[in-house]
Amino acid sequence: MSAEIEMYTGPRCIYCDRAKKLLNQKGLVFKELDINQNPKLKDEMLIRTGGKKTIPQIFINKKSIGGFDELYSLELIGDLDKILGT
């Protein structure tokens, strides 16, 4: 079973691009939620993150892991694969 990955993104966001690149390099499928194309998603993101406004905001199996810095840190220490079950 693969992990469910959701990522709130927006336009001209280099950290969103970096997060997508990392996930794509790992061959992972993720759902991109563009808060610019659907402003209601921003409200949803704020609720799910407890008020965090920065993008990206990444969720794995419904659990918030934070943004790109947190995603990359998990990858560096080898915990991302553990969380993903890979």
C-alpha atoms as a PDB file:
ATOM      1  CA  MET A   1       0.000   0.000   0.000  1.00  0.00           C
ATOM      2  CA  SER A   2       1.344   3.405  -0.929  1.00  0.00           C
ATOM      3  CA  ALA A   3       1.154   6.457   1.266  1.00  0.00           C
ATOM      4  CA  GLU A   4      -1.360   9.182   0.534  1.00  0.00           C
ATOM      5  CA  ILE A   5       0.532  12.408  -0.124  1.00  0.00           C
ATOM      6  CA  GLU A   6      -1.173  15.786  -0.415  1.00  0.00           C
ATOM      7  CA  MET A   7       0.601  19.073  -1.029  1.00  0.00           C
ATOM      8  CA  TYR A   8      -0.851  22.568  -0.901  1.00  0.00           C
ATOM      9  CA  THR A   9       0.953  24.720  -3.452  1.00  0.00           C
ATOM     10  CA  GLY A  10       0.782  28.110  -5.108  1.00  0.00           C
ATOM     11  CA  PRO A  11       2.223  30.030  -8.057  1.00  0.00           C
ATOM     12  CA  ARG A  12       5.865  31.050  -8.373  1.00  0.00           C
ATOM     13  CA  CYS A  13       6.827  28.975  -5.351  1.00  0.00           C
ATOM     14  CA  ILE A  14      10.367  27.638  -5.581  1.00  0.00           C
ATOM     15  CA  TYR A  15       9.893  25.513  -2.451  1.00  0.00           C
ATOM     16  CA  CYS A  16       6.778  23.952  -3.965  1.00  0.00           C
ATOM     17  CA  ASP A  17       8.802  23.151  -7.087  1.00  0.00           C
ATOM     18  CA  ARG A  18      11.586  21.627  -5.003  1.00  0.00           C
ATOM     19  CA  ALA A  19       9.140  19.488  -3.023  1.00  0.00           C
ATOM     20  CA  LYS A  20       7.454  18.259  -6.213  1.00  0.00           C
ATOM     21  CA  LYS A  21      10.850  17.470  -7.737  1.00  0.00           C
ATOM     22  CA  LEU A  22      11.918  15.454  -4.693  1.00  0.00           C
ATOM     23  CA  LEU A  23       8.669  13.472  -4.637  1.00  0.00           C
ATOM     24  CA  ASN A  24       8.834  12.898  -8.399  1.00  0.00           C
ATOM     25  CA  GLN A  25      12.466  11.725  -8.174  1.00  0.00           C
ATOM     26  CA  LYS A  26      11.356   9.158  -5.624  1.00  0.00           C
ATOM     27  CA  GLY A  27       8.616   8.029  -8.013  1.00  0.00           C
ATOM     28  CA  LEU A  28       5.872   9.041  -5.604  1.00  0.00           C
ATOM     29  CA  VAL A  29       2.334   9.970  -6.575  1.00  0.00           C
ATOM     30  CA  PHE A  30       0.908  12.989  -4.792  1.00  0.00           C
ATOM     31  CA  LYS A  31      -2.173  15.163  -4.964  1.00  0.00           C
ATOM     32  CA  GLU A  32      -1.411  18.821  -5.607  1.00  0.00           C
ATOM     33  CA  LEU A  33      -3.866  21.284  -4.095  1.00  0.00           C
ATOM     34  CA  ASP A  34      -3.286  24.688  -5.725  1.00  0.00           C
ATOM     35  CA  ILE A  35      -4.561  27.353  -3.350  1.00  0.00           C
ATOM     36  CA  ASN A  36      -4.328  29.961  -6.119  1.00  0.00           C
ATOM     37  CA  GLN A  37      -6.695  28.102  -8.444  1.00  0.00           C
ATOM     38  CA  ASN A  38      -9.121  27.300  -5.619  1.00  0.00           C
ATOM     39  CA  PRO A  39      -9.064  29.888  -2.802  1.00  0.00           C
ATOM     40  CA  LYS A  40     -11.253  27.656  -0.572  1.00  0.00           C
ATOM     41  CA  LEU A  41      -8.264  25.340  -0.345  1.00  0.00           C
ATOM     42  CA  LYS A  42      -6.320  28.042   1.508  1.00  0.00           C
ATOM     43  CA  ASP A  43      -8.909  28.048   4.298  1.00  0.00           C
ATOM     44  CA  GLU A  44      -8.783  24.257   4.375  1.00  0.00           C
ATOM     45  CA  MET A  45      -4.971  24.348   4.575  1.00  0.00           C
ATOM     46  CA  LEU A  46      -5.031  26.849   7.441  1.00  0.00           C
ATOM     47  CA  ILE A  47      -7.395  24.616   9.410  1.00  0.00           C
ATOM     48  CA  ARG A  48      -5.390  21.462   8.737  1.00  0.00           C
ATOM     49  CA  THR A  49      -2.057  23.085   9.639  1.00  0.00           C
ATOM     50  CA  GLY A  50      -3.242  24.987  12.678  1.00  0.00           C
ATOM     51  CA  GLY A  51      -2.748  28.332  10.949  1.00  0.00           C
ATOM     52  CA  LYS A  52       0.466  27.830   8.966  1.00  0.00           C
ATOM     53  CA  LYS A  53       0.312  30.123   5.941  1.00  0.00           C
ATOM     54  CA  THR A  54       3.481  29.211   4.064  1.00  0.00           C
ATOM     55  CA  ILE A  55       3.498  26.899   1.086  1.00  0.00           C
ATOM     56  CA  PRO A  56       4.032  24.154   0.401  1.00  0.00           C
ATOM     57  CA  GLN A  57       2.245  22.370   3.196  1.00  0.00           C
ATOM     58  CA  ILE A  58       2.676  18.626   2.872  1.00  0.00           C
ATOM     59  CA  PHE A  59       0.580  15.865   4.382  1.00  0.00           C
ATOM     60  CA  ILE A  60       1.436  12.183   4.378  1.00  0.00           C
ATOM     61  CA  ASN A  61      -1.392   9.854   5.356  1.00  0.00           C
ATOM     62  CA  LYS A  62      -3.376  12.880   6.610  1.00  0.00           C
ATOM     63  CA  LYS A  63      -0.538  13.922   8.968  1.00  0.00           C
ATOM     64  CA  SER A  64       1.107  17.314   8.497  1.00  0.00           C
ATOM     65  CA  ILE A  65       4.855  17.066   7.994  1.00  0.00           C
ATOM     66  CA  GLY A  66       5.343  20.773   7.224  1.00  0.00           C
ATOM     67  CA  GLY A  67       6.950  22.315   4.175  1.00  0.00           C
ATOM     68  CA  PHE A  68       9.885  21.607   1.895  1.00  0.00           C
ATOM     69  CA  ASP A  69      12.526  22.070   4.600  1.00  0.00           C
ATOM     70  CA  GLU A  70      10.876  19.424   6.770  1.00  0.00           C
ATOM     71  CA  LEU A  71      10.359  17.090   3.787  1.00  0.00           C
ATOM     72  CA  TYR A  72      14.012  17.424   2.778  1.00  0.00           C
ATOM     73  CA  SER A  73      15.213  16.914   6.362  1.00  0.00           C
ATOM     74  CA  LEU A  74      13.189  13.707   6.596  1.00  0.00           C
ATOM     75  CA  GLU A  75      14.770  12.530   3.336  1.00  0.00           C
ATOM     76  CA  LEU A  76      18.304  13.361   4.517  1.00  0.00           C
ATOM     77  CA  ILE A  77      18.021  11.377   7.737  1.00  0.00           C
ATOM     78  CA  GLY A  78      16.245   8.457   6.078  1.00  0.00           C
ATOM     79  CA  ASP A  79      12.918   8.915   7.850  1.00  0.00           C
ATOM     80  CA  LEU A  80      10.897   9.828   4.760  1.00  0.00           C
ATOM     81  CA  ASP A  81      10.999   6.259   3.456  1.00  0.00           C
ATOM     82  CA  LYS A  82       9.925   5.004   6.883  1.00  0.00           C
ATOM     83  CA  ILE A  83       6.938   7.365   6.935  1.00  0.00           C
ATOM     84  CA  LEU A  84       6.034   6.374   3.397  1.00  0.00           C
ATOM     85  CA  GLY A  85       6.375   2.680   4.146  1.00  0.00           C
ATOM     86  CA  THR A  86       8.857   2.172   1.306  1.00  0.00           C
END
